[in-house]
Amino acid sequence: MPPSRIVIDTCVARSASGDSDNDLALACMKTLESLRQHGHSVVLNKPIHCEWQKQAKGRPADSWPYHASRHALQWLTDMQSHRRLVFVEYCQHPDLLDELVASACPAAAGEISKDFPIVDAALATDGRIISTDSRMHNMLAGMTEQHPMLDTIIWVHVMKDRACCWLAEGAPDRPELHIGAAPPDQGSAMP
């Protein structure tokens, strides 16, 4: 199976560190390393790239200032040096964005607009996203019936879906990993 082009949600980049006391941080770090080790590429568009490098607000002046962790930005630099970054144009699917926002409640519409760049980038490439954001996954899962294009996307949660193993297997297209494969968790998705 050839390597895949995969979108890494900024929440993974923010959490990735070698903090041995935090299972999520370690899982995110190992996921990034597994993606590199198994020859996959990372997909970025302008909004995703900007969010990775965005200055975090409210942090002390002597702390790490970016949304993405130091480890994640070093990883991204290494991926770039090995020519494994894939840049795509943003908003190749403006009609889908408009439809999703129009069909969501106001609070969900804002979240969907904010996270749409990862959906757009996935649809422009191999349809794969790695994330820790169950809330967004659940919101989109609840919208796949009205917007079947969403269900072409594979959404892999770093911990729940064993992202490292999935990457080692070649990031295969598994029906159970498609956004609409399982009903949204009750209480996690906004109507």
N, C-alpha and C. Protein backbone atom coordinates (compact mmCIF):
# COMPACT_ATOMS: atom_id res chain seq x y z
N MET A 1 0.85 -1.17 0.00
CA MET A 1 0.00 0.00 0.00
C MET A 1 0.91 1.24 0.00
N PRO A 2 0.69 2.17 -0.93
CA PRO A 2 1.53 3.38 -0.96
C PRO A 2 1.23 4.28 0.24
N PRO A 3 2.20 5.09 0.63
CA PRO A 3 1.98 6.01 1.76
C PRO A 3 0.82 6.96 1.45
N SER A 4 0.17 7.41 2.51
CA SER A 4 -0.98 8.30 2.38
C SER A 4 -0.61 9.74 2.70
N ARG A 5 -1.45 10.65 2.22
CA ARG A 5 -1.37 12.07 2.57
C ARG A 5 -2.43 12.29 3.64
N ILE A 6 -1.99 12.71 4.83
CA ILE A 6 -2.85 12.73 6.01
C ILE A 6 -2.85 14.11 6.66
N VAL A 7 -4.04 14.57 7.02
CA VAL A 7 -4.19 15.84 7.74
C VAL A 7 -4.04 15.56 9.23
N ILE A 8 -3.16 16.34 9.87
CA ILE A 8 -2.98 16.24 11.32
C ILE A 8 -3.66 17.45 11.95
N ASP A 9 -4.70 17.20 12.72
CA ASP A 9 -5.42 18.29 13.40
C ASP A 9 -4.47 18.97 14.39
N THR A 10 -4.61 20.26 14.54
CA THR A 10 -3.74 21.03 15.42
C THR A 10 -3.83 20.55 16.87
N CYS A 11 -4.94 19.96 17.25
CA CYS A 11 -5.05 19.45 18.63
C CYS A 11 -4.00 18.36 18.89
N VAL A 12 -3.65 17.60 17.85
CA VAL A 12 -2.59 16.59 17.99
C VAL A 12 -1.25 17.29 18.15
N ALA A 13 -1.00 18.31 17.32
CA ALA A 13 0.25 19.06 17.38
C ALA A 13 0.41 19.76 18.74
N ARG A 14 -0.68 20.25 19.29
CA ARG A 14 -0.65 20.94 20.57
C ARG A 14 -0.31 19.96 21.70
N SER A 15 -0.82 18.75 21.61
CA SER A 15 -0.66 17.79 22.70
C SER A 15 0.64 16.99 22.63
N ALA A 16 1.25 16.88 21.46
CA ALA A 16 2.42 16.01 21.28
C ALA A 16 3.62 16.45 22.10
N SER A 17 3.99 15.61 23.06
CA SER A 17 5.20 15.87 23.84
C SER A 17 5.63 14.58 24.51
N GLY A 18 6.81 14.61 25.05
CA GLY A 18 7.34 13.44 25.73
C GLY A 18 7.00 13.40 27.20
N ASP A 19 5.95 14.12 27.59
CA ASP A 19 5.53 14.16 28.99
C ASP A 19 5.08 12.76 29.42
N SER A 20 5.91 12.11 30.21
CA SER A 20 5.64 10.71 30.56
C SER A 20 4.44 10.52 31.48
N ASP A 21 3.93 11.62 32.03
CA ASP A 21 2.76 11.52 32.92
C ASP A 21 1.44 11.71 32.19
N ASN A 22 1.51 11.97 30.90
CA ASN A 22 0.30 12.28 30.15
C ASN A 22 0.16 11.32 28.97
N ASP A 23 -0.80 10.41 29.07
CA ASP A 23 -0.99 9.39 28.03
C ASP A 23 -1.32 10.00 26.68
N LEU A 24 -2.14 11.05 26.68
CA LEU A 24 -2.51 11.68 25.41
C LEU A 24 -1.29 12.33 24.76
N ALA A 25 -0.47 13.02 25.54
CA ALA A 25 0.72 13.67 24.99
C ALA A 25 1.66 12.65 24.36
N LEU A 26 1.86 11.54 25.06
CA LEU A 26 2.73 10.49 24.52
C LEU A 26 2.13 9.86 23.27
N ALA A 27 0.82 9.62 23.28
CA ALA A 27 0.17 9.01 22.11
C ALA A 27 0.25 9.93 20.90
N CYS A 28 0.09 11.23 21.11
CA CYS A 28 0.20 12.18 20.00
C CYS A 28 1.62 12.22 19.46
N MET A 29 2.61 12.23 20.35
CA MET A 29 4.00 12.24 19.92
C MET A 29 4.32 10.97 19.12
N LYS A 30 3.89 9.83 19.64
CA LYS A 30 4.15 8.55 18.95
C LYS A 30 3.43 8.50 17.61
N THR A 31 2.25 9.11 17.52
CA THR A 31 1.52 9.15 16.25
C THR A 31 2.29 9.93 15.20
N LEU A 32 2.81 11.10 15.58
CA LEU A 32 3.61 11.88 14.63
C LEU A 32 4.84 11.09 14.19
N GLU A 33 5.50 10.44 15.13
CA GLU A 33 6.69 9.65 14.79
C GLU A 33 6.33 8.47 13.88
N SER A 34 5.19 7.85 14.14
CA SER A 34 4.75 6.72 13.31
C SER A 34 4.43 7.18 11.89
N LEU A 35 3.81 8.33 11.76
CA LEU A 35 3.51 8.87 10.43
C LEU A 35 4.81 9.06 9.65
N ARG A 36 5.81 9.62 10.31
CA ARG A 36 7.11 9.84 9.65
C ARG A 36 7.78 8.50 9.33
N GLN A 37 7.81 7.61 10.30
CA GLN A 37 8.49 6.32 10.14
C GLN A 37 7.91 5.49 9.00
N HIS A 38 6.62 5.58 8.79
CA HIS A 38 5.97 4.73 7.78
C HIS A 38 5.79 5.42 6.44
N GLY A 39 6.44 6.56 6.26
CA GLY A 39 6.53 7.19 4.94
C GLY A 39 5.34 8.02 4.50
N HIS A 40 4.40 8.28 5.39
CA HIS A 40 3.25 9.09 5.02
C HIS A 40 3.64 10.56 4.94
N SER A 41 2.79 11.37 4.32
CA SER A 41 3.00 12.81 4.22
C SER A 41 1.92 13.53 5.01
N VAL A 42 2.24 14.74 5.43
CA VAL A 42 1.28 15.57 6.17
C VAL A 42 0.71 16.62 5.21
N VAL A 43 -0.59 16.83 5.30
CA VAL A 43 -1.29 17.77 4.43
C VAL A 43 -1.56 19.06 5.20
N LEU A 44 -1.25 20.18 4.55
CA LEU A 44 -1.51 21.49 5.13
C LEU A 44 -2.17 22.38 4.09
N ASN A 45 -3.01 23.27 4.56
CA ASN A 45 -3.45 24.40 3.74
C ASN A 45 -3.10 25.64 4.57
N LYS A 46 -3.35 26.80 4.05
CA LYS A 46 -2.91 28.01 4.75
C LYS A 46 -3.49 28.12 6.16
N PRO A 47 -4.81 27.91 6.36
CA PRO A 47 -5.33 28.03 7.73
C PRO A 47 -4.75 27.01 8.71
N ILE A 48 -4.51 25.78 8.24
CA ILE A 48 -3.92 24.76 9.13
C ILE A 48 -2.49 25.17 9.49
N HIS A 49 -1.73 25.56 8.50
CA HIS A 49 -0.35 25.97 8.73
C HIS A 49 -0.29 27.16 9.70
N CYS A 50 -1.15 28.13 9.49
CA CYS A 50 -1.20 29.29 10.39
C CYS A 50 -1.56 28.89 11.81
N GLU A 51 -2.50 27.95 11.95
CA GLU A 51 -2.91 27.54 13.30
C GLU A 51 -1.78 26.81 14.01
N TRP A 52 -1.02 25.99 13.28
CA TRP A 52 0.12 25.30 13.89
C TRP A 52 1.11 26.32 14.45
N GLN A 53 1.28 27.44 13.75
CA GLN A 53 2.30 28.41 14.14
C GLN A 53 1.73 29.61 14.90
N LYS A 54 0.46 29.55 15.19
CA LYS A 54 -0.23 30.65 15.87
C LYS A 54 0.29 30.80 17.30
N GLN A 55 0.43 32.05 17.69
CA GLN A 55 0.84 32.34 19.06
C GLN A 55 -0.34 32.07 20.00
N ALA A 56 -0.09 31.33 21.03
CA ALA A 56 -1.13 31.03 22.02
C ALA A 56 -1.31 32.23 22.93
N LYS A 57 -2.54 32.59 23.19
CA LYS A 57 -2.84 33.74 24.05
C LYS A 57 -2.86 33.32 25.52
N GLY A 58 -2.48 34.27 26.36
CA GLY A 58 -2.60 34.05 27.80
C GLY A 58 -1.50 33.21 28.42
N ARG A 59 -0.44 32.91 27.67
CA ARG A 59 0.66 32.14 28.26
C ARG A 59 1.71 33.08 28.84
N PRO A 60 2.37 32.64 29.89
CA PRO A 60 3.45 33.48 30.46
C PRO A 60 4.53 33.75 29.41
N ALA A 61 5.17 34.89 29.52
CA ALA A 61 6.16 35.32 28.53
C ALA A 61 7.32 34.33 28.41
N ASP A 62 7.66 33.63 29.46
CA ASP A 62 8.80 32.71 29.41
C ASP A 62 8.41 31.28 29.00
N SER A 63 7.16 31.04 28.59
CA SER A 63 6.74 29.70 28.17
C SER A 63 6.71 29.60 26.65
N TRP A 64 6.56 28.40 26.15
CA TRP A 64 6.48 28.13 24.71
C TRP A 64 5.28 28.89 24.15
N PRO A 65 5.48 29.73 23.14
CA PRO A 65 4.42 30.65 22.73
C PRO A 65 3.43 30.13 21.67
N TYR A 66 3.67 28.95 21.11
CA TYR A 66 2.87 28.51 19.96
C TYR A 66 1.79 27.50 20.33
N HIS A 67 0.78 27.40 19.46
CA HIS A 67 -0.26 26.39 19.65
C HIS A 67 0.34 25.00 19.57
N ALA A 68 1.13 24.75 18.52
CA ALA A 68 1.77 23.45 18.37
C ALA A 68 2.91 23.33 19.38
N SER A 69 3.13 22.13 19.87
CA SER A 69 4.21 21.91 20.82
C SER A 69 5.57 22.05 20.13
N ARG A 70 6.58 22.23 20.93
CA ARG A 70 7.95 22.31 20.39
C ARG A 70 8.26 21.04 19.59
N HIS A 71 7.91 19.89 20.15
CA HIS A 71 8.15 18.62 19.45
C HIS A 71 7.44 18.59 18.09
N ALA A 72 6.19 19.02 18.05
CA ALA A 72 5.42 18.98 16.80
C ALA A 72 6.02 19.91 15.75
N LEU A 73 6.47 21.09 16.15
CA LEU A 73 7.07 22.01 15.17
C LEU A 73 8.41 21.48 14.68
N GLN A 74 9.18 20.83 15.55
CA GLN A 74 10.43 20.19 15.09
C GLN A 74 10.11 19.06 14.12
N TRP A 75 9.08 18.30 14.42
CA TRP A 75 8.64 17.21 13.53
C TRP A 75 8.22 17.77 12.17
N LEU A 76 7.45 18.86 12.19
CA LEU A 76 6.99 19.47 10.95
C LEU A 76 8.18 19.97 10.11
N THR A 77 9.16 20.55 10.76
CA THR A 77 10.37 21.00 10.06
C THR A 77 11.09 19.82 9.43
N ASP A 78 11.17 18.72 10.16
CA ASP A 78 11.81 17.52 9.62
C ASP A 78 11.02 16.96 8.43
N MET A 79 9.70 16.96 8.55
CA MET A 79 8.87 16.49 7.43
C MET A 79 9.09 17.37 6.20
N GLN A 80 9.22 18.67 6.42
CA GLN A 80 9.46 19.59 5.31
C GLN A 80 10.82 19.32 4.68
N SER A 81 11.84 19.08 5.49
CA SER A 81 13.18 18.84 4.95
C SER A 81 13.24 17.55 4.15
N HIS A 82 12.34 16.62 4.43
CA HIS A 82 12.26 15.36 3.68
C HIS A 82 11.20 15.42 2.57
N ARG A 83 10.71 16.62 2.30
CA ARG A 83 9.71 16.86 1.24
C ARG A 83 8.46 16.00 1.42
N ARG A 84 8.00 15.96 2.66
CA ARG A 84 6.80 15.18 2.96
C ARG A 84 5.68 16.05 3.49
N LEU A 85 5.69 17.33 3.08
CA LEU A 85 4.57 18.23 3.32
C LEU A 85 3.85 18.40 2.00
N VAL A 86 2.53 18.30 2.06
CA VAL A 86 1.70 18.51 0.88
C VAL A 86 0.84 19.74 1.16
N PHE A 87 1.07 20.82 0.40
CA PHE A 87 0.27 22.03 0.56
C PHE A 87 -0.85 22.01 -0.47
N VAL A 88 -2.07 22.27 -0.01
CA VAL A 88 -3.22 22.34 -0.91
C VAL A 88 -3.90 23.70 -0.75
N GLU A 89 -4.58 24.12 -1.78
CA GLU A 89 -5.35 25.37 -1.72
C GLU A 89 -6.46 25.23 -0.71
N TYR A 90 -6.73 26.33 0.02
CA TYR A 90 -7.85 26.30 0.94
C TYR A 90 -9.13 26.72 0.24
N CYS A 91 -10.14 26.18 0.71
CA CYS A 91 -11.56 26.27 0.38
C CYS A 91 -11.85 25.83 -1.03
N GLN A 92 -11.51 24.55 -1.24
CA GLN A 92 -11.85 23.89 -2.49
C GLN A 92 -13.30 23.39 -2.47
N HIS A 93 -13.92 23.43 -1.31
CA HIS A 93 -15.30 22.95 -1.15
C HIS A 93 -16.15 24.00 -0.44
N PRO A 94 -16.24 25.22 -1.01
CA PRO A 94 -16.98 26.29 -0.32
C PRO A 94 -18.48 25.99 -0.18
N ASP A 95 -19.05 25.27 -1.14
CA ASP A 95 -20.48 24.95 -1.04
C ASP A 95 -20.76 24.04 0.15
N LEU A 96 -19.86 23.07 0.38
CA LEU A 96 -20.03 22.18 1.53
C LEU A 96 -19.94 22.98 2.83
N LEU A 97 -18.99 23.88 2.92
CA LEU A 97 -18.88 24.71 4.13
C LEU A 97 -20.16 25.50 4.34
N ASP A 98 -20.68 26.13 3.30
CA ASP A 98 -21.92 26.91 3.43
C ASP A 98 -23.08 26.03 3.87
N GLU A 99 -23.19 24.83 3.31
CA GLU A 99 -24.28 23.92 3.67
C GLU A 99 -24.16 23.44 5.13
N LEU A 100 -22.93 23.11 5.54
CA LEU A 100 -22.74 22.65 6.93
C LEU A 100 -23.09 23.75 7.93
N VAL A 101 -22.61 24.94 7.66
CA VAL A 101 -22.88 26.07 8.56
C VAL A 101 -24.37 26.37 8.60
N ALA A 102 -25.03 26.35 7.44
CA ALA A 102 -26.46 26.66 7.37
C ALA A 102 -27.31 25.62 8.09
N SER A 103 -26.85 24.37 8.12
CA SER A 103 -27.67 23.31 8.73
C SER A 103 -27.36 23.09 10.21
N ALA A 104 -26.39 23.83 10.76
CA ALA A 104 -26.01 23.65 12.16
C ALA A 104 -26.59 24.76 13.03
N CYS A 105 -26.70 24.47 14.33
CA CYS A 105 -27.10 25.52 15.27
C CYS A 105 -25.98 26.55 15.33
N PRO A 106 -26.25 27.76 15.81
CA PRO A 106 -25.23 28.82 15.80
C PRO A 106 -23.91 28.46 16.48
N ALA A 107 -23.97 27.81 17.62
CA ALA A 107 -22.73 27.45 18.32
C ALA A 107 -21.93 26.43 17.51
N ALA A 108 -22.61 25.45 16.96
CA ALA A 108 -21.92 24.44 16.15
C ALA A 108 -21.41 25.03 14.86
N ALA A 109 -22.13 25.97 14.29
CA ALA A 109 -21.72 26.60 13.03
C ALA A 109 -20.36 27.27 13.19
N GLY A 110 -20.13 27.93 14.30
CA GLY A 110 -18.84 28.56 14.55
C GLY A 110 -17.71 27.55 14.66
N GLU A 111 -17.97 26.45 15.36
CA GLU A 111 -16.96 25.40 15.49
C GLU A 111 -16.67 24.75 14.14
N ILE A 112 -17.72 24.52 13.35
CA ILE A 112 -17.53 23.91 12.04
C ILE A 112 -16.72 24.83 11.14
N SER A 113 -17.02 26.11 11.15
CA SER A 113 -16.26 27.07 10.34
C SER A 113 -14.79 27.07 10.74
N LYS A 114 -14.53 27.04 12.04
CA LYS A 114 -13.16 27.06 12.54
C LYS A 114 -12.39 25.82 12.13
N ASP A 115 -13.03 24.65 12.17
CA ASP A 115 -12.34 23.39 11.87
C ASP A 115 -12.50 22.91 10.42
N PHE A 116 -13.23 23.66 9.61
CA PHE A 116 -13.44 23.22 8.23
C PHE A 116 -12.14 23.07 7.44
N PRO A 117 -11.09 23.84 7.72
CA PRO A 117 -9.86 23.63 6.94
C PRO A 117 -9.33 22.20 6.95
N ILE A 118 -9.49 21.45 8.05
CA ILE A 118 -9.00 20.07 8.04
C ILE A 118 -9.88 19.19 7.17
N VAL A 119 -11.19 19.44 7.18
CA VAL A 119 -12.11 18.69 6.32
C VAL A 119 -11.81 18.99 4.85
N ASP A 120 -11.64 20.25 4.54
CA ASP A 120 -11.35 20.67 3.17
C ASP A 120 -10.05 20.06 2.67
N ALA A 121 -9.00 20.08 3.49
CA ALA A 121 -7.71 19.50 3.10
C ALA A 121 -7.81 17.99 2.90
N ALA A 122 -8.57 17.33 3.77
CA ALA A 122 -8.74 15.88 3.62
C ALA A 122 -9.47 15.55 2.32
N LEU A 123 -10.53 16.30 2.03
CA LEU A 123 -11.29 16.05 0.80
C LEU A 123 -10.45 16.33 -0.45
N ALA A 124 -9.47 17.21 -0.34
CA ALA A 124 -8.60 17.55 -1.49
C ALA A 124 -7.49 16.52 -1.70
N THR A 125 -7.29 15.63 -0.73
CA THR A 125 -6.20 14.66 -0.85
C THR A 125 -6.73 13.24 -0.65
N ASP A 126 -6.19 12.51 0.32
CA ASP A 126 -6.54 11.10 0.48
C ASP A 126 -7.67 10.84 1.48
N GLY A 127 -8.31 11.90 1.97
CA GLY A 127 -9.47 11.74 2.84
C GLY A 127 -9.16 11.18 4.21
N ARG A 128 -8.01 11.57 4.78
CA ARG A 128 -7.63 11.02 6.08
C ARG A 128 -7.28 12.16 7.05
N ILE A 129 -7.84 12.06 8.26
CA ILE A 129 -7.59 13.03 9.33
C ILE A 129 -7.22 12.26 10.58
N ILE A 130 -6.18 12.74 11.27
CA ILE A 130 -5.86 12.23 12.61
C ILE A 130 -6.12 13.36 13.59
N SER A 131 -6.87 13.05 14.64
CA SER A 131 -7.31 14.08 15.57
C SER A 131 -7.50 13.50 16.96
N THR A 132 -7.71 14.38 17.92
CA THR A 132 -8.16 13.96 19.26
C THR A 132 -9.52 14.58 19.54
N ASP A 133 -10.09 15.26 18.55
CA ASP A 133 -11.31 16.05 18.73
C ASP A 133 -12.56 15.20 18.47
N SER A 134 -13.01 14.51 19.51
CA SER A 134 -14.22 13.68 19.38
C SER A 134 -15.46 14.53 19.18
N ARG A 135 -15.47 15.70 19.75
CA ARG A 135 -16.64 16.57 19.63
C ARG A 135 -16.91 16.95 18.17
N MET A 136 -15.86 17.38 17.45
CA MET A 136 -16.05 17.73 16.04
C MET A 136 -16.40 16.50 15.22
N HIS A 137 -15.73 15.39 15.51
CA HIS A 137 -16.05 14.14 14.81
C HIS A 137 -17.53 13.81 14.98
N ASN A 138 -18.03 13.93 16.19
CA ASN A 138 -19.43 13.61 16.46
C ASN A 138 -20.38 14.58 15.76
N MET A 139 -20.02 15.86 15.74
CA MET A 139 -20.86 16.83 15.02
C MET A 139 -20.96 16.46 13.55
N LEU A 140 -19.81 16.17 12.93
CA LEU A 140 -19.80 15.83 11.51
C LEU A 140 -20.49 14.48 11.26
N ALA A 141 -20.32 13.53 12.17
CA ALA A 141 -20.99 12.23 12.02
C ALA A 141 -22.50 12.39 11.95
N GLY A 142 -23.01 13.33 12.74
CA GLY A 142 -24.45 13.58 12.74
C GLY A 142 -24.94 14.29 11.49
N MET A 143 -24.02 14.72 10.63
CA MET A 143 -24.40 15.46 9.42
C MET A 143 -24.15 14.67 8.13
N THR A 144 -23.65 13.43 8.26
CA THR A 144 -23.28 12.67 7.05
C THR A 144 -24.49 12.28 6.20
N GLU A 145 -25.63 12.08 6.83
CA GLU A 145 -26.81 11.70 6.04
C GLU A 145 -27.21 12.83 5.09
N GLN A 146 -27.17 14.07 5.57
CA GLN A 146 -27.51 15.22 4.72
C GLN A 146 -26.34 15.62 3.81
N HIS A 147 -25.12 15.27 4.20
CA HIS A 147 -23.92 15.66 3.46
C HIS A 147 -23.01 14.44 3.29
N PRO A 148 -23.37 13.54 2.36
CA PRO A 148 -22.65 12.27 2.23
C PRO A 148 -21.16 12.41 1.90
N MET A 149 -20.74 13.55 1.36
CA MET A 149 -19.32 13.75 1.06
C MET A 149 -18.47 13.61 2.33
N LEU A 150 -19.05 13.98 3.47
CA LEU A 150 -18.32 13.87 4.73
C LEU A 150 -17.94 12.43 5.05
N ASP A 151 -18.80 11.50 4.65
CA ASP A 151 -18.56 10.10 4.98
C ASP A 151 -17.47 9.47 4.13
N THR A 152 -16.90 10.21 3.18
CA THR A 152 -15.74 9.70 2.44
C THR A 152 -14.46 9.90 3.24
N ILE A 153 -14.55 10.66 4.34
CA ILE A 153 -13.37 10.97 5.15
C ILE A 153 -13.19 9.92 6.24
N ILE A 154 -11.95 9.50 6.39
CA ILE A 154 -11.55 8.62 7.49
C ILE A 154 -11.04 9.51 8.61
N TRP A 155 -11.65 9.39 9.79
CA TRP A 155 -11.29 10.22 10.95
C TRP A 155 -10.74 9.28 12.00
N VAL A 156 -9.45 9.37 12.27
CA VAL A 156 -8.78 8.48 13.21
C VAL A 156 -8.45 9.25 14.49
N HIS A 157 -8.97 8.76 15.60
CA HIS A 157 -8.66 9.35 16.90
C HIS A 157 -7.36 8.73 17.39
N VAL A 158 -6.44 9.56 17.84
CA VAL A 158 -5.11 9.11 18.24
C VAL A 158 -5.17 7.91 19.18
N MET A 159 -6.01 7.97 20.20
CA MET A 159 -6.04 6.89 21.19
C MET A 159 -7.12 5.86 20.92
N LYS A 160 -8.33 6.30 20.65
CA LYS A 160 -9.44 5.37 20.49
C LYS A 160 -9.26 4.43 19.31
N ASP A 161 -8.66 4.93 18.24
CA ASP A 161 -8.53 4.14 17.01
C ASP A 161 -7.12 3.60 16.78
N ARG A 162 -6.27 3.71 17.81
CA ARG A 162 -4.90 3.18 17.73
C ARG A 162 -4.21 3.68 16.46
N ALA A 163 -4.04 4.98 16.39
CA ALA A 163 -3.48 5.64 15.21
C ALA A 163 -2.12 5.08 14.79
N CYS A 164 -1.25 4.78 15.74
CA CYS A 164 0.08 4.27 15.38
C CYS A 164 -0.02 2.94 14.62
N CYS A 165 -0.89 2.06 15.08
CA CYS A 165 -1.07 0.77 14.39
C CYS A 165 -1.66 0.98 13.01
N TRP A 166 -2.64 1.86 12.91
CA TRP A 166 -3.27 2.16 11.62
C TRP A 166 -2.25 2.71 10.64
N LEU A 167 -1.38 3.61 11.08
CA LEU A 167 -0.33 4.16 10.23
C LEU A 167 0.66 3.07 9.81
N ALA A 168 1.03 2.20 10.74
CA ALA A 168 1.97 1.11 10.43
C ALA A 168 1.40 0.16 9.38
N GLU A 169 0.08 0.02 9.39
CA GLU A 169 -0.59 -0.86 8.42
C GLU A 169 -0.78 -0.18 7.07
N GLY A 170 -0.34 1.08 6.94
CA GLY A 170 -0.46 1.79 5.68
C GLY A 170 -1.63 2.74 5.61
N ALA A 171 -2.24 3.06 6.74
CA ALA A 171 -3.40 3.96 6.80
C ALA A 171 -4.53 3.48 5.88
N PRO A 172 -4.94 2.21 6.06
CA PRO A 172 -5.95 1.65 5.15
C PRO A 172 -7.34 2.27 5.32
N ASP A 173 -8.10 2.16 4.27
CA ASP A 173 -9.49 2.62 4.26
C ASP A 173 -10.34 1.55 4.94
N ARG A 174 -10.71 1.83 6.17
CA ARG A 174 -11.54 0.90 6.93
C ARG A 174 -12.91 1.52 7.12
N PRO A 175 -13.96 0.81 6.77
CA PRO A 175 -15.31 1.38 6.90
C PRO A 175 -15.64 1.89 8.29
N GLU A 176 -15.15 1.23 9.32
CA GLU A 176 -15.47 1.64 10.69
C GLU A 176 -14.81 2.95 11.10
N LEU A 177 -13.86 3.43 10.30
CA LEU A 177 -13.19 4.69 10.61
C LEU A 177 -13.77 5.89 9.85
N HIS A 178 -14.70 5.64 8.94
CA HIS A 178 -15.33 6.75 8.22
C HIS A 178 -16.16 7.59 9.21
N ILE A 179 -16.22 8.86 8.95
CA ILE A 179 -16.91 9.78 9.86
C ILE A 179 -18.30 9.29 10.25
N GLY A 180 -19.06 8.83 9.30
CA GLY A 180 -20.44 8.43 9.60
C GLY A 180 -20.62 6.99 10.00
N ALA A 181 -19.54 6.26 10.28
CA ALA A 181 -19.64 4.82 10.56
C ALA A 181 -20.42 4.51 11.82
N ALA A 182 -20.26 5.33 12.83
CA ALA A 182 -20.94 5.08 14.09
C ALA A 182 -21.77 6.31 14.44
N PRO A 183 -22.90 6.11 15.08
CA PRO A 183 -23.69 7.28 15.48
C PRO A 183 -22.89 8.12 16.47
N PRO A 184 -23.13 9.43 16.46
CA PRO A 184 -22.42 10.30 17.39
C PRO A 184 -22.69 9.90 18.83
N ASP A 185 -21.68 10.09 19.69
CA ASP A 185 -21.87 9.86 21.12
C ASP A 185 -22.96 10.80 21.62
N GLN A 186 -23.82 10.28 22.43
CA GLN A 186 -24.88 11.11 22.99
C GLN A 186 -24.28 12.18 23.90
N GLY A 187 -24.71 13.39 23.72
CA GLY A 187 -24.23 14.47 24.56
C GLY A 187 -22.98 15.16 24.05
N SER A 188 -22.31 14.59 23.05
CA SER A 188 -21.07 15.18 22.55
C SER A 188 -21.30 16.09 21.37
N ALA A 189 -22.31 15.80 20.60
CA ALA A 189 -22.55 16.58 19.39
C ALA A 189 -23.62 17.64 19.66
N MET A 190 -23.47 18.74 18.97
CA MET A 190 -24.49 19.79 19.08
C MET A 190 -25.54 19.56 18.01
N PRO A 191 -26.77 19.84 18.29
CA PRO A 191 -27.82 19.64 17.29
C PRO A 191 -27.69 20.62 16.14
